[in-house]
Amino acid sequence: MALIITDECINCDVCEPECPNEAIYLGPEIYEIDPAKCTECVGHFDEPQCVQVCPVACIPVNPQHVESQETLWQKFQRLQKAGQPLSAAGDGSAPAA
């Protein structure tokens, strides 16, 4: 499941630098999340970092991009092969739970 930033966003700038996949960017009015890059931090962290730091709780699951944990893991692996930053594991294996 990719996440989405709702119109309750106050453009506080705290979510963008927390995204390990660089999926968050400033859109025309508020921050937005590229669903092709969002793995909900699977492969990097146990919980989505943007959700953790958001002061207004405006980052729910995007109902138009529902994905299983396995699909998110596969997306993480594709992003790594495409040159995204390496995971903490660094070896392509699943992150420790």
C-alpha atoms as a PDB file:
ATOM      1  CA  MET A   1       0.000   0.000   0.000  1.00  0.00           C
ATOM      2  CA  ALA A   2       1.389   3.336  -0.917  1.00  0.00           C
ATOM      3  CA  LEU A   3       0.602   6.235   1.340  1.00  0.00           C
ATOM      4  CA  ILE A   4      -1.053   9.520   0.405  1.00  0.00           C
ATOM      5  CA  ILE A   5      -0.827  12.998   1.902  1.00  0.00           C
ATOM      6  CA  THR A   6      -4.265  14.539   2.383  1.00  0.00           C
ATOM      7  CA  ASP A   7      -5.266  18.180   2.033  1.00  0.00           C
ATOM      8  CA  GLU A   8      -4.889  18.575   5.805  1.00  0.00           C
ATOM      9  CA  CYS A   9      -1.133  18.884   5.101  1.00  0.00           C
ATOM     10  CA  ILE A  10       0.301  22.103   6.557  1.00  0.00           C
ATOM     11  CA  ASN A  11       3.525  21.981   4.473  1.00  0.00           C
ATOM     12  CA  CYS A  12       5.661  21.757   7.589  1.00  0.00           C
ATOM     13  CA  ASP A  13       8.509  20.131   5.612  1.00  0.00           C
ATOM     14  CA  VAL A  14       9.222  17.330   8.110  1.00  0.00           C
ATOM     15  CA  CYS A  15       8.120  14.336   6.009  1.00  0.00           C
ATOM     16  CA  GLU A  16      10.161  14.861   2.843  1.00  0.00           C
ATOM     17  CA  PRO A  17      13.643  14.346   4.329  1.00  0.00           C
ATOM     18  CA  GLU A  18      12.460  11.281   6.268  1.00  0.00           C
ATOM     19  CA  CYS A  19      11.523   9.274   3.163  1.00  0.00           C
ATOM     20  CA  PRO A  20      14.267   6.742   2.371  1.00  0.00           C
ATOM     21  CA  ASN A  21      12.893   6.237  -1.159  1.00  0.00           C
ATOM     22  CA  GLU A  22      12.647   9.928  -2.032  1.00  0.00           C
ATOM     23  CA  ALA A  23       8.956   9.378  -2.795  1.00  0.00           C
ATOM     24  CA  ILE A  24       7.784  12.617  -1.137  1.00  0.00           C
ATOM     25  CA  TYR A  25       7.949  15.902  -3.029  1.00  0.00           C
ATOM     26  CA  LEU A  26       6.345  19.329  -2.859  1.00  0.00           C
ATOM     27  CA  GLY A  27       3.379  19.438  -5.215  1.00  0.00           C
ATOM     28  CA  PRO A  28       1.528  22.545  -6.432  1.00  0.00           C
ATOM     29  CA  GLU A  29      -0.210  23.057  -3.071  1.00  0.00           C
ATOM     30  CA  ILE A  30       0.918  20.399  -0.586  1.00  0.00           C
ATOM     31  CA  TYR A  31       3.453  17.615  -0.308  1.00  0.00           C
ATOM     32  CA  GLU A  32       2.667  14.547  -2.397  1.00  0.00           C
ATOM     33  CA  ILE A  33       3.815  10.924  -2.463  1.00  0.00           C
ATOM     34  CA  ASP A  34       4.831   9.093  -5.643  1.00  0.00           C
ATOM     35  CA  PRO A  35       3.090   5.697  -5.269  1.00  0.00           C
ATOM     36  CA  ALA A  36       5.659   4.103  -7.591  1.00  0.00           C
ATOM     37  CA  LYS A  37       8.376   4.873  -5.018  1.00  0.00           C
ATOM     38  CA  CYS A  38       6.456   4.504  -1.740  1.00  0.00           C
ATOM     39  CA  THR A  39       7.105   1.201   0.028  1.00  0.00           C
ATOM     40  CA  GLU A  40       5.728   2.388   3.386  1.00  0.00           C
ATOM     41  CA  CYS A  41       9.389   2.123   4.432  1.00  0.00           C
ATOM     42  CA  VAL A  42       9.378  -1.665   3.916  1.00  0.00           C
ATOM     43  CA  GLY A  43      13.033  -2.621   3.535  1.00  0.00           C
ATOM     44  CA  HIS A  44      14.192   0.373   5.566  1.00  0.00           C
ATOM     45  CA  PHE A  45      12.141   0.712   8.765  1.00  0.00           C
ATOM     46  CA  ASP A  46       9.403  -1.111  10.681  1.00  0.00           C
ATOM     47  CA  GLU A  47       6.980   1.801  10.284  1.00  0.00           C
ATOM     48  CA  PRO A  48       6.527   4.569   7.707  1.00  0.00           C
ATOM     49  CA  GLN A  49       8.783   7.408   8.812  1.00  0.00           C
ATOM     50  CA  CYS A  50       6.612  10.151   7.306  1.00  0.00           C
ATOM     51  CA  VAL A  51       3.657   8.973   9.394  1.00  0.00           C
ATOM     52  CA  GLN A  52       5.851   8.971  12.500  1.00  0.00           C
ATOM     53  CA  VAL A  53       6.916  12.608  12.113  1.00  0.00           C
ATOM     54  CA  CYS A  54       3.711  14.149  10.714  1.00  0.00           C
ATOM     55  CA  PRO A  55       2.302  16.596  13.296  1.00  0.00           C
ATOM     56  CA  VAL A  56      -1.221  16.615  11.810  1.00  0.00           C
ATOM     57  CA  ALA A  57      -1.669  12.895  11.010  1.00  0.00           C
ATOM     58  CA  CYS A  58      -2.518  13.513   7.352  1.00  0.00           C
ATOM     59  CA  ILE A  59      -0.751  10.493   5.782  1.00  0.00           C
ATOM     60  CA  PRO A  60      -3.109   7.496   5.483  1.00  0.00           C
ATOM     61  CA  VAL A  61      -2.934   4.495   3.174  1.00  0.00           C
ATOM     62  CA  ASN A  62      -3.831   5.427  -0.390  1.00  0.00           C
ATOM     63  CA  PRO A  63      -6.970   3.389  -1.215  1.00  0.00           C
ATOM     64  CA  GLN A  64      -6.102   3.546  -4.924  1.00  0.00           C
ATOM     65  CA  HIS A  65      -2.733   1.837  -4.338  1.00  0.00           C
ATOM     66  CA  VAL A  66      -3.398  -1.108  -2.029  1.00  0.00           C
ATOM     67  CA  GLU A  67      -0.402  -3.461  -1.976  1.00  0.00           C
ATOM     68  CA  SER A  68       0.562  -6.479   0.114  1.00  0.00           C
ATOM     69  CA  GLN A  69       3.716  -6.593   2.232  1.00  0.00           C
ATOM     70  CA  GLU A  70       5.222  -8.898  -0.391  1.00  0.00           C
ATOM     71  CA  THR A  71       4.446  -6.422  -3.170  1.00  0.00           C
ATOM     72  CA  LEU A  72       5.985  -3.600  -1.134  1.00  0.00           C
ATOM     73  CA  TRP A  73       9.099  -5.733  -0.556  1.00  0.00           C
ATOM     74  CA  GLN A  74       9.359  -6.443  -4.292  1.00  0.00           C
ATOM     75  CA  LYS A  75       9.022  -2.713  -5.027  1.00  0.00           C
ATOM     76  CA  PHE A  76      11.782  -1.999  -2.487  1.00  0.00           C
ATOM     77  CA  GLN A  77      14.047  -4.516  -4.252  1.00  0.00           C
ATOM     78  CA  ARG A  78      13.302  -2.979  -7.682  1.00  0.00           C
ATOM     79  CA  LEU A  79      14.107   0.490  -6.356  1.00  0.00           C
ATOM     80  CA  GLN A  80      17.406  -0.775  -4.958  1.00  0.00           C
ATOM     81  CA  LYS A  81      18.363  -2.253  -8.315  1.00  0.00           C
ATOM     82  CA  ALA A  82      17.435   1.051  -9.983  1.00  0.00           C
ATOM     83  CA  GLY A  83      20.015   2.881  -7.897  1.00  0.00           C
ATOM     84  CA  GLN A  84      18.105   3.999  -4.836  1.00  0.00           C
ATOM     85  CA  PRO A  85      20.024   4.133  -1.514  1.00  0.00           C
ATOM     86  CA  LEU A  86      20.800   0.723  -0.016  1.00  0.00           C
ATOM     87  CA  SER A  87      18.870  -0.680   2.907  1.00  0.00           C
ATOM     88  CA  ALA A  88      20.395  -1.023   6.334  1.00  0.00           C
ATOM     89  CA  ALA A  89      20.885  -4.728   5.554  1.00  0.00           C
ATOM     90  CA  GLY A  90      22.706  -3.774   2.363  1.00  0.00           C
ATOM     91  CA  ASP A  91      22.644  -7.286   1.035  1.00  0.00           C
ATOM     92  CA  GLY A  92      19.170  -7.530  -0.484  1.00  0.00           C
ATOM     93  CA  SER A  93      17.883  -9.771   2.262  1.00  0.00           C
ATOM     94  CA  ALA A  94      14.697  -9.067   4.172  1.00  0.00           C
ATOM     95  CA  PRO A  95      15.083  -6.638   7.061  1.00  0.00           C
ATOM     96  CA  ALA A  96      15.175  -8.057  10.558  1.00  0.00           C
ATOM     97  CA  ALA A  97      11.807  -7.896  12.318  1.00  0.00           C
END
